[in-house]
Amino acid sequence: MSINSRANAGGTSRLREILAVVAASALLAGCSGGGTHDSSEAKAQTINLVGFAVPEAANKAIAAEFNKTPEGKDVSFKTSYGASGDQSRAVEGGLKADYVHFSVGTDVDRLVKAGLVSEAWDKGENKGIVSESIVVLGVRKGNPKNIKGWDDLVKPGVGIVTANPASSGAARWNALAAWGNITQNGGTEAEATAYVDKLFKNVVSLTNSGRDATTSFLGGTGDVLLAYENEAILAAQNGQGFEYVIPETTIKIENPGALLTKHTPAAEDWLNFVISDAGQKQFALKGFRPTQDRTLEDLGLKPSDIKGAPDAKDPFPKVENLLILDKDFGGWKGVKDKLFGDGKDGAPVGIVTKSIEKSGKATQ
């Protein structure tokens, strides 16, 4: 081998050593997270949010505020909204999700059984609840049917619009409020069953979701809409308002939010923001009642900030007899099969399910 050949071979060997050192340094920098070439693209995360239809506007507002925080910078959202039960089944069937926001806890429990959500999802201070409202009775302008409470809904000639409990969590809250109006005011279960039968006999539109029910009512169907209070307030904010009555007895609606066991890290920051005062402020501005007994003042809001409410001085009036799921019904476990059982996999056919079948509305 010539001297020049040996020199070239030595230079090549030295170059390989330098390149190896550079590569190793780059690898160490990448592992430590302290590299100077860490781009925003590397930090960007997408949160897959799957929810029931009603809180879509509120979640959009919360996301806009979350993106202004250090934790929310460079975070984007991919969303899917629909009827709560349908959405839960879709996630169970493979729809990608990092965070779910459903109408009822049983739709989260379905994902717990599927191994997709931790059994401890509802063990925090907020007990898994991220948004709250109450069931109200939407009426036409001037309340021509003179609807004052639950008794008026079963009178002849009153057409009711509600969602279907088979697909919609909102519908389950509606039906539970109607049931509880009897059982929690001294009535028997037989009397409550008779009432629910009459109620669904008067249903003229049984929609897939709570949002679809609102759309149906706004389109001119029916005399009374069983709805979330926040749906009525949001409709007014959008220039489609309708009057509503808060019955003496109604139920506190508690909507759960949970992380999937496999989620992008930003989803944890998102959930923390949702249940914080900053997140609850945006819920309130869209017509939801603050969670964990917080007041508007706690959120830095005045009553007049809640646009679309009938009374600007008292947008969330106190309910005379507010039913609570856990206290008055033993949680969803106490009523799920009893009222809403579908007869599948050994479950009974629930009282409400039977009422809908008897009414002939089950196939709507």
Protein backbone atom coordinates (compact mmCIF):
# COMPACT_ATOMS: atom_id res chain seq x y z
CA MET A 1 0.00 0.00 0.00
CA SER A 2 1.38 3.49 -0.89
CA ILE A 3 1.84 6.31 1.64
CA ASN A 4 -1.05 8.21 0.03
CA SER A 5 -3.29 5.16 0.27
CA ARG A 6 -2.47 4.74 3.94
CA ALA A 7 -3.10 8.44 4.57
CA ASN A 8 -6.50 8.26 2.83
CA ALA A 9 -7.44 5.18 4.83
CA GLY A 10 -6.46 6.92 8.09
CA GLY A 11 -8.47 10.02 7.17
CA THR A 12 -11.52 7.94 6.40
CA SER A 13 -11.22 6.14 9.72
CA ARG A 14 -10.92 9.46 11.58
CA LEU A 15 -13.97 10.87 9.76
CA ARG A 16 -16.01 7.84 10.78
CA GLU A 17 -15.02 8.38 14.42
CA ILE A 18 -16.09 12.05 14.29
CA LEU A 19 -19.41 11.17 12.69
CA ALA A 20 -20.03 8.51 15.34
CA VAL A 21 -19.39 11.01 18.14
CA VAL A 22 -21.74 13.56 16.52
CA ALA A 23 -24.47 10.94 16.11
CA ALA A 24 -24.13 9.80 19.72
CA SER A 25 -24.32 13.41 20.96
CA ALA A 26 -27.46 14.02 18.93
CA LEU A 27 -29.04 10.86 20.33
CA LEU A 28 -28.29 11.90 23.90
CA ALA A 29 -29.72 15.35 23.31
CA GLY A 30 -32.89 13.83 21.91
CA CYS A 31 -33.29 11.52 24.88
CA SER A 32 -32.78 14.28 27.43
CA GLY A 33 -35.28 16.61 25.79
CA GLY A 34 -32.72 19.41 26.13
CA GLY A 35 -31.72 19.61 22.47
CA THR A 36 -31.56 23.07 20.91
CA HIS A 37 -33.28 21.89 17.71
CA ASP A 38 -36.54 20.86 19.41
CA SER A 39 -39.17 22.22 16.97
CA SER A 40 -42.80 23.15 17.59
CA GLU A 41 -43.76 20.25 15.35
CA ALA A 42 -42.18 17.86 17.84
CA LYS A 43 -44.29 19.40 20.64
CA ALA A 44 -47.56 19.52 18.71
CA GLN A 45 -50.23 17.12 19.92
CA THR A 46 -53.73 16.32 18.78
CA ILE A 47 -56.43 15.50 21.32
CA ASN A 48 -59.15 13.23 19.95
CA LEU A 49 -62.30 14.39 21.72
CA VAL A 50 -65.43 12.26 21.46
CA GLY A 51 -68.57 13.65 23.03
CA PHE A 52 -72.32 13.89 23.09
CA ALA A 53 -73.80 16.62 20.92
CA VAL A 54 -75.05 19.14 23.49
CA PRO A 55 -71.72 20.60 24.82
CA GLU A 56 -70.02 21.05 21.45
CA ALA A 57 -70.19 24.87 21.54
CA ALA A 58 -68.90 24.95 25.12
CA ASN A 59 -66.02 22.61 24.35
CA LYS A 60 -65.00 24.78 21.39
CA ALA A 61 -64.93 27.85 23.64
CA ILE A 62 -62.92 26.00 26.29
CA ALA A 63 -60.45 24.74 23.67
CA ALA A 64 -59.86 28.32 22.44
CA GLU A 65 -58.96 29.38 25.98
CA PHE A 66 -56.88 26.27 26.60
CA ASN A 67 -54.79 27.03 23.50
CA LYS A 68 -53.80 30.35 25.11
CA THR A 69 -52.11 28.56 28.02
CA PRO A 70 -48.54 27.17 27.99
CA GLU A 71 -49.94 23.65 28.32
CA GLY A 72 -52.34 24.17 25.43
CA LYS A 73 -49.90 25.77 23.01
CA ASP A 74 -49.57 23.79 19.77
CA VAL A 75 -52.40 21.45 20.81
CA SER A 76 -55.10 20.79 18.22
CA PHE A 77 -58.39 18.91 18.49
CA LYS A 78 -60.07 16.28 16.37
CA THR A 79 -63.68 16.02 17.48
CA SER A 80 -66.64 13.73 17.03
CA TYR A 81 -70.10 14.55 18.40
CA GLY A 82 -73.36 12.63 18.44
CA ALA A 83 -75.80 10.86 20.74
CA SER A 84 -74.05 9.84 23.97
CA GLY A 85 -74.82 6.13 23.81
CA ASP A 86 -73.90 5.92 20.14
CA GLN A 87 -70.61 7.71 20.78
CA SER A 88 -69.74 5.40 23.65
CA ARG A 89 -70.41 2.35 21.51
CA ALA A 90 -68.33 3.85 18.69
CA VAL A 91 -65.31 4.26 20.98
CA GLU A 92 -65.80 0.73 22.24
CA GLY A 93 -65.80 -0.36 18.61
CA GLY A 94 -62.54 1.39 17.75
CA LEU A 95 -63.20 5.12 17.26
CA LYS A 96 -60.00 6.84 18.36
CA ALA A 97 -60.36 8.92 21.51
CA ASP A 98 -58.11 10.50 24.12
CA TYR A 99 -60.92 12.15 26.07
CA VAL A 100 -64.65 11.43 26.19
CA HIS A 101 -67.42 13.75 27.35
CA PHE A 102 -70.69 11.86 27.68
CA SER A 103 -74.15 12.61 29.00
CA VAL A 104 -74.36 9.75 31.52
CA GLY A 105 -71.87 7.79 33.57
CA THR A 106 -73.02 4.44 32.22
CA ASP A 107 -71.57 5.40 28.83
CA VAL A 108 -68.16 5.76 30.49
CA ASP A 109 -68.68 2.52 32.42
CA ARG A 110 -69.08 0.73 29.08
CA LEU A 111 -65.51 1.78 28.24
CA VAL A 112 -64.27 0.72 31.68
CA LYS A 113 -65.63 -2.78 31.03
CA ALA A 114 -63.91 -2.75 27.64
CA GLY A 115 -60.57 -1.93 29.33
CA LEU A 116 -60.37 1.48 27.64
CA VAL A 117 -60.91 3.71 30.69
CA SER A 118 -59.53 3.30 34.22
CA GLU A 119 -61.88 2.11 36.96
CA ALA A 120 -60.71 5.16 38.94
CA TRP A 121 -62.02 7.66 36.39
CA ASP A 122 -64.60 9.05 38.86
CA LYS A 123 -62.50 9.02 42.04
CA GLY A 124 -61.25 12.61 41.85
CA GLU A 125 -62.59 15.62 43.72
CA ASN A 126 -65.07 16.29 40.90
CA LYS A 127 -66.19 12.63 40.87
CA GLY A 128 -65.68 12.54 37.14
CA ILE A 129 -68.27 15.26 36.45
CA VAL A 130 -67.22 18.04 34.07
CA SER A 131 -70.52 19.80 33.24
CA GLU A 132 -73.91 20.28 34.90
CA SER A 133 -77.39 21.46 34.00
CA ILE A 134 -81.04 20.69 34.84
CA VAL A 135 -84.02 19.31 32.92
CA VAL A 136 -86.45 22.03 31.82
CA LEU A 137 -89.68 22.16 29.81
CA GLY A 138 -89.32 24.18 26.62
CA VAL A 139 -92.55 25.84 25.44
CA ARG A 140 -93.79 27.95 22.55
CA LYS A 141 -93.79 31.75 22.75
CA GLY A 142 -96.35 32.90 25.26
CA ASN A 143 -96.76 29.34 26.56
CA PRO A 144 -100.09 28.77 24.75
CA LYS A 145 -100.58 25.34 26.36
CA ASN A 146 -100.11 26.90 29.82
CA ILE A 147 -97.41 24.42 30.79
CA LYS A 148 -96.46 24.85 34.44
CA GLY A 149 -95.17 21.44 35.42
CA TRP A 150 -95.05 17.71 34.80
CA ASP A 151 -98.79 17.18 35.23
CA ASP A 152 -99.50 19.37 32.20
CA LEU A 153 -97.40 17.19 29.91
CA VAL A 154 -99.80 14.25 30.01
CA LYS A 155 -102.92 16.24 29.19
CA PRO A 156 -104.69 15.47 25.89
CA GLY A 157 -103.45 17.49 22.94
CA VAL A 158 -99.96 18.22 24.30
CA GLY A 159 -97.26 17.11 21.85
CA ILE A 160 -93.88 16.32 23.43
CA VAL A 161 -90.45 16.32 21.77
CA THR A 162 -87.66 14.35 23.42
CA ALA A 163 -84.72 12.19 22.47
CA ASN A 164 -84.73 8.40 22.57
CA PRO A 165 -83.26 6.85 25.76
CA ALA A 166 -81.92 3.98 23.66
CA SER A 167 -79.33 6.28 22.09
CA SER A 168 -79.38 9.52 24.06
CA GLY A 169 -78.17 10.24 27.56
CA ALA A 170 -80.17 13.47 27.56
CA ALA A 171 -83.32 11.40 27.09
CA ARG A 172 -82.43 9.30 30.12
CA TRP A 173 -82.12 12.40 32.26
CA ASN A 174 -85.48 13.60 30.93
CA ALA A 175 -87.21 10.32 31.71
CA LEU A 176 -85.56 10.04 35.13
CA ALA A 177 -86.76 13.53 36.02
CA ALA A 178 -90.30 12.57 35.01
CA TRP A 179 -90.09 9.32 37.00
CA GLY A 180 -88.63 11.07 40.04
CA ASN A 181 -91.33 13.71 40.01
CA ILE A 182 -93.69 10.91 41.07
CA THR A 183 -91.51 8.63 43.20
CA GLN A 184 -89.75 11.43 45.09
CA ASN A 185 -92.98 13.24 45.85
CA GLY A 186 -94.80 10.42 47.64
CA GLY A 187 -96.01 8.45 44.62
CA THR A 188 -95.63 4.70 44.14
CA GLU A 189 -93.65 3.02 41.39
CA ALA A 190 -96.94 1.84 39.89
CA GLU A 191 -98.10 5.46 39.72
CA ALA A 192 -94.77 6.52 38.22
CA THR A 193 -95.03 3.78 35.59
CA ALA A 194 -98.55 4.93 34.68
CA TYR A 195 -97.28 8.50 34.37
CA VAL A 196 -94.37 7.53 32.09
CA ASP A 197 -96.80 5.55 29.90
CA LYS A 198 -98.94 8.66 29.46
CA LEU A 199 -95.89 10.83 28.85
CA PHE A 200 -94.58 8.76 25.95
CA LYS A 201 -98.06 8.40 24.53
CA ASN A 202 -97.93 12.20 24.03
CA VAL A 203 -94.51 12.14 22.37
CA VAL A 204 -94.70 13.35 18.76
CA SER A 205 -90.96 13.33 18.00
CA LEU A 206 -88.46 10.83 19.43
CA THR A 207 -85.05 11.87 18.12
CA ASN A 208 -81.61 10.29 18.19
CA SER A 209 -79.93 12.92 20.39
CA GLY A 210 -80.71 15.86 22.64
CA ARG A 211 -79.42 18.25 20.01
CA ASP A 212 -81.66 16.63 17.38
CA ALA A 213 -84.62 17.09 19.73
CA THR A 214 -83.87 20.81 20.03
CA THR A 215 -83.58 21.09 16.24
CA SER A 216 -86.92 19.30 15.82
CA PHE A 217 -88.64 21.64 18.29
CA LEU A 218 -87.12 24.75 16.73
CA GLY A 219 -88.40 23.48 13.39
CA GLY A 220 -91.96 23.66 14.67
CA THR A 221 -92.63 20.15 15.96
CA GLY A 222 -94.55 19.70 19.20
CA ASP A 223 -95.69 21.92 22.05
CA VAL A 224 -93.14 20.98 24.74
CA LEU A 225 -89.46 20.10 24.54
CA LEU A 226 -87.82 18.07 27.28
CA ALA A 227 -84.37 19.65 27.31
CA TYR A 228 -81.26 20.71 29.14
CA GLU A 229 -81.48 24.26 30.52
CA ASN A 230 -78.24 25.10 28.72
CA GLU A 231 -79.75 24.06 25.37
CA ALA A 232 -82.46 26.69 25.81
CA ILE A 233 -79.93 29.36 26.78
CA LEU A 234 -77.62 28.48 23.87
CA ALA A 235 -80.54 28.57 21.43
CA ALA A 236 -81.36 32.09 22.65
CA GLN A 237 -77.71 33.11 22.18
CA ASN A 238 -77.97 31.91 18.59
CA GLY A 239 -81.14 33.89 17.98
CA GLN A 240 -83.37 30.80 18.11
CA GLY A 241 -84.54 31.10 21.67
CA PHE A 242 -87.62 29.50 23.12
CA GLU A 243 -89.27 30.01 26.45
CA TYR A 244 -88.94 27.37 29.12
CA VAL A 245 -90.39 26.39 32.44
CA ILE A 246 -88.38 25.04 35.37
CA PRO A 247 -90.72 22.60 37.13
CA GLU A 248 -90.86 22.56 40.91
CA THR A 249 -89.22 19.12 40.83
CA THR A 250 -86.44 18.44 38.36
CA ILE A 251 -83.06 16.73 38.32
CA LYS A 252 -79.47 17.91 38.36
CA ILE A 253 -77.83 16.71 35.14
CA GLU A 254 -74.24 15.57 35.73
CA ASN A 255 -72.17 14.92 32.61
CA PRO A 256 -68.95 12.89 32.97
CA GLY A 257 -65.61 13.41 31.29
CA ALA A 258 -62.80 10.85 31.28
CA LEU A 259 -59.42 10.06 29.76
CA LEU A 260 -58.80 6.87 27.87
CA THR A 261 -56.07 4.72 29.42
CA LYS A 262 -54.04 5.32 26.24
CA HIS A 263 -54.07 9.07 25.62
CA THR A 264 -51.82 11.80 24.36
CA PRO A 265 -50.14 13.57 27.33
CA ALA A 266 -51.84 16.88 26.51
CA ALA A 267 -55.22 15.29 27.29
CA GLU A 268 -54.35 15.34 31.00
CA ASP A 269 -53.71 19.08 30.87
CA TRP A 270 -56.97 19.48 28.94
CA LEU A 271 -59.05 17.66 31.56
CA ASN A 272 -57.45 19.69 34.34
CA PHE A 273 -58.32 22.87 32.45
CA VAL A 274 -61.90 21.73 31.81
CA ILE A 275 -62.64 21.29 35.51
CA SER A 276 -60.76 24.43 36.56
CA ASP A 277 -62.45 27.79 37.13
CA ALA A 278 -61.24 28.89 33.69
CA GLY A 279 -62.91 25.94 31.99
CA GLN A 280 -66.09 26.17 34.04
CA LYS A 281 -66.32 29.86 33.17
CA GLN A 282 -66.70 28.95 29.50
CA PHE A 283 -69.29 26.29 30.33
CA ALA A 284 -71.28 28.89 32.27
CA LEU A 285 -71.11 31.39 29.42
CA LYS A 286 -72.74 28.74 27.21
CA GLY A 287 -75.53 28.11 29.71
CA PHE A 288 -74.21 25.26 31.88
CA ARG A 289 -74.38 25.53 35.65
CA PRO A 290 -70.94 25.56 37.36
CA THR A 291 -69.87 22.24 38.88
CA GLN A 292 -68.93 21.47 42.48
CA ASP A 293 -71.33 24.11 43.85
CA ARG A 294 -69.24 26.97 42.49
CA THR A 295 -70.97 30.31 42.01
CA LEU A 296 -70.73 32.70 39.07
CA GLU A 297 -68.74 34.98 41.34
CA ASP A 298 -66.25 32.15 41.93
CA LEU A 299 -65.70 32.12 38.15
CA GLY A 300 -65.29 35.87 37.89
CA LEU A 301 -68.70 36.32 36.25
CA LYS A 302 -71.76 38.47 36.87
CA PRO A 303 -75.31 37.14 36.32
CA SER A 304 -75.71 39.48 33.35
CA ASP A 305 -72.74 37.78 31.65
CA ILE A 306 -74.92 34.74 30.93
CA LYS A 307 -76.56 35.91 27.72
CA GLY A 308 -79.79 34.25 26.62
CA ALA A 309 -81.10 33.44 30.10
CA PRO A 310 -84.68 34.64 30.78
CA ASP A 311 -83.67 36.59 33.87
CA ALA A 312 -80.42 38.54 33.52
CA LYS A 313 -80.34 38.99 37.31
CA ASP A 314 -80.73 35.28 38.05
CA PRO A 315 -79.75 33.11 35.06
CA PHE A 316 -79.58 29.89 37.11
CA PRO A 317 -82.50 30.12 39.57
CA LYS A 318 -82.71 27.78 42.54
CA VAL A 319 -84.88 24.71 42.02
CA GLU A 320 -87.48 24.08 44.71
CA ASN A 321 -86.95 20.31 44.71
CA LEU A 322 -83.70 19.39 42.94
CA LEU A 323 -83.24 15.64 42.62
CA ILE A 324 -79.70 14.24 42.79
CA LEU A 325 -78.81 11.02 40.98
CA ASP A 326 -76.75 9.37 43.72
CA LYS A 327 -78.79 10.59 46.70
CA ASP A 328 -82.29 10.02 45.32
CA PHE A 329 -81.84 7.10 42.93
CA GLY A 330 -78.74 5.22 44.06
CA GLY A 331 -76.76 6.29 40.99
CA TRP A 332 -77.24 4.89 37.50
CA LYS A 333 -76.85 1.39 38.90
CA GLY A 334 -80.08 1.92 40.75
CA VAL A 335 -82.11 2.77 37.64
CA LYS A 336 -80.21 1.71 34.52
CA ASP A 337 -81.77 -1.71 34.00
CA LYS A 338 -84.92 -1.00 35.95
CA LEU A 339 -85.90 1.91 33.72
CA PHE A 340 -83.82 1.57 30.57
CA GLY A 341 -82.97 -2.13 30.23
CA ASP A 342 -83.11 -3.33 26.62
CA GLY A 343 -83.70 -7.02 27.27
CA LYS A 344 -80.34 -8.01 25.79
CA ASP A 345 -77.72 -10.25 27.40
CA GLY A 346 -80.05 -11.21 30.23
CA ALA A 347 -80.98 -7.64 31.15
CA PRO A 348 -84.65 -6.94 31.85
CA VAL A 349 -86.79 -4.80 29.62
CA GLY A 350 -86.95 -1.51 31.51
CA ILE A 351 -90.07 0.40 32.49
CA VAL A 352 -89.29 3.33 30.19
CA THR A 353 -88.35 0.97 27.37
CA LYS A 354 -91.72 -0.73 27.73
CA SER A 355 -93.52 2.64 27.79
CA ILE A 356 -91.91 3.61 24.50
CA GLU A 357 -92.80 0.25 22.95
CA LYS A 358 -96.40 0.58 24.10
CA SER A 359 -96.58 4.07 22.63
CA GLY A 360 -95.57 2.80 19.20
CA LYS A 361 -92.72 5.32 19.06
CA ALA A 362 -89.86 2.81 19.44
CA THR A 363 -89.07 2.69 15.72
CA GLN A 364 -88.95 6.48 15.23
